[in-house]
Each structure stands twice: as structure tokens, then as C-alpha cells.
Amino acid sequence: MQQETTHLSPRFLRTKEAAEFLSLSARTMEKHRTYGTGPAYRKLGGRVVYTVEDLEAWAARGTVTSTSDPRGSLLPARPQSYSSRTGSSRRAL
């Protein structure tokens, strides 16, 4: 009797797999991680992993219905000023 093995989709995706899932480059994912503008991730040992749910939630934040809508809330993969990350401006002392 042959045992059937159930194929389970991976619970966690590595950076390259997550990038492919989002149609981005692995380097862009690394930049998003560095600048804090990307999807939530986890560190398991020394490995960076993402859940499909976190990737989908991050992508959904960029949803718009027309070109006249304000841009979604996704930030580009580049350094952000404090005010653009928090949505507030800093007050000069």
C-alpha cells in the first residue's frame, strides 16, 4: 500500500520567494526591509521569512480604484523622513 503525501504550501517564504510572489526583485525586498517600508517579516534563526498573509496585507495597502485616487499607503523602497513614516511633521525647536 502506497502512502499519499499531502503537498503543503510553505508557511513561510524566504526573501527570493516573497519577491517572486509580489513580482519584485529580491534586492527591492531587502531595501524595503532596511528602510522599514515593506511587509512584516520574521527572523527565524538567521533567516528572514515572510508569511503569505503579511505579503498580501502589505500589497492590499496599495490598492486604489482609479488614477485620480490618492496613492495607496505603500512607500517606495528608499530612506523615509520621520514625518513621512508617521504621517506627521516634526516641530522645530
Protein backbone atom coordinates (compact mmCIF):
# COMPACT_ATOMS: atom_id res chain seq x y z
CA MET A 1 0.00 0.00 0.00
CA GLN A 2 1.44 3.35 -1.02
CA GLN A 3 1.14 6.29 1.37
CA GLU A 4 -0.14 9.53 -0.03
CA THR A 5 1.87 12.58 0.84
CA THR A 6 -0.06 15.76 1.11
CA HIS A 7 1.65 18.67 -0.58
CA LEU A 8 1.55 21.61 1.80
CA SER A 9 2.31 25.07 0.57
CA PRO A 10 5.13 26.62 2.56
CA ARG A 11 4.03 28.53 5.63
CA PHE A 12 6.98 30.92 5.33
CA LEU A 13 8.64 32.33 2.22
CA ARG A 14 12.28 33.34 2.03
CA THR A 15 13.17 36.75 0.55
CA LYS A 16 13.57 35.49 -3.02
CA GLU A 17 10.26 33.59 -2.91
CA ALA A 18 8.46 36.55 -1.34
CA ALA A 19 9.86 38.84 -4.04
CA GLU A 20 8.63 36.50 -6.76
CA PHE A 21 5.21 36.35 -5.07
CA LEU A 22 4.99 40.17 -5.23
CA SER A 23 6.65 40.44 -8.66
CA LEU A 24 9.51 42.44 -7.16
CA SER A 25 13.24 41.81 -7.05
CA ALA A 26 14.90 40.31 -4.01
CA ARG A 27 17.02 43.48 -3.78
CA THR A 28 13.88 45.63 -3.59
CA MET A 29 12.61 43.43 -0.75
CA GLU A 30 15.93 43.90 1.06
CA LYS A 31 15.70 47.67 0.64
CA HIS A 32 12.13 47.72 1.95
CA ARG A 33 13.32 45.76 4.98
CA THR A 34 16.21 48.14 5.57
CA TYR A 35 14.06 51.27 5.34
CA GLY A 36 11.05 49.86 7.18
CA THR A 37 8.72 50.40 4.21
CA GLY A 38 7.99 46.78 3.33
CA PRO A 39 5.84 43.94 4.56
CA ALA A 40 6.19 42.49 8.05
CA TYR A 41 8.82 39.78 8.30
CA ARG A 42 10.18 37.39 10.87
CA LYS A 43 13.67 36.26 11.78
CA LEU A 44 13.95 32.52 12.35
CA GLY A 45 17.48 31.93 13.46
CA GLY A 46 19.45 33.96 10.94
CA ARG A 47 16.83 33.66 8.20
CA VAL A 48 14.37 36.32 7.12
CA VAL A 49 10.96 34.88 6.28
CA TYR A 50 7.56 36.27 5.30
CA THR A 51 4.06 34.84 5.58
CA VAL A 52 1.79 34.92 2.54
CA GLU A 53 -0.81 36.70 4.69
CA ASP A 54 1.63 39.51 5.55
CA LEU A 55 2.64 39.89 1.89
CA GLU A 56 -0.98 40.06 0.77
CA ALA A 57 -1.87 42.55 3.51
CA TRP A 58 1.05 44.80 2.56
CA ALA A 59 0.14 44.66 -1.13
CA ALA A 60 -3.51 45.44 -0.30
CA ARG A 61 -2.42 48.70 1.37
CA GLY A 62 -1.50 49.95 -2.10
CA THR A 63 -4.96 49.32 -3.57
CA VAL A 64 -6.56 52.21 -5.45
CA THR A 65 -9.59 52.23 -7.75
CA SER A 66 -8.59 54.90 -10.25
CA THR A 67 -5.70 57.13 -11.22
CA SER A 68 -7.44 60.11 -9.61
CA ASP A 69 -7.48 58.39 -6.20
CA PRO A 70 -4.76 59.33 -3.77
CA ARG A 71 -1.90 56.85 -3.89
CA GLY A 72 -2.14 53.82 -1.68
CA SER A 73 -0.23 53.86 1.56
CA LEU A 74 2.81 51.95 0.24
CA LEU A 75 6.08 53.83 0.49
CA PRO A 76 8.93 53.45 -2.00
CA ALA A 77 11.98 51.39 -1.05
CA ARG A 78 14.16 54.33 -0.10
CA PRO A 79 15.01 56.17 3.12
CA GLN A 80 11.99 57.93 4.54
CA SER A 81 11.97 61.03 6.68
CA TYR A 82 10.47 60.72 10.13
CA SER A 83 7.38 62.71 9.11
CA SER A 84 6.60 60.54 6.07
CA ARG A 85 6.74 57.37 8.20
CA THR A 86 4.48 58.69 10.92
CA GLY A 87 2.29 60.92 8.81
CA SER A 88 3.08 63.93 10.98
CA SER A 89 5.58 66.72 10.73
CA ARG A 90 8.32 67.39 13.24
CA ARG A 91 8.20 70.63 15.05
CA ALA A 92 11.38 72.69 15.01
CA LEU A 93 12.65 73.65 18.43
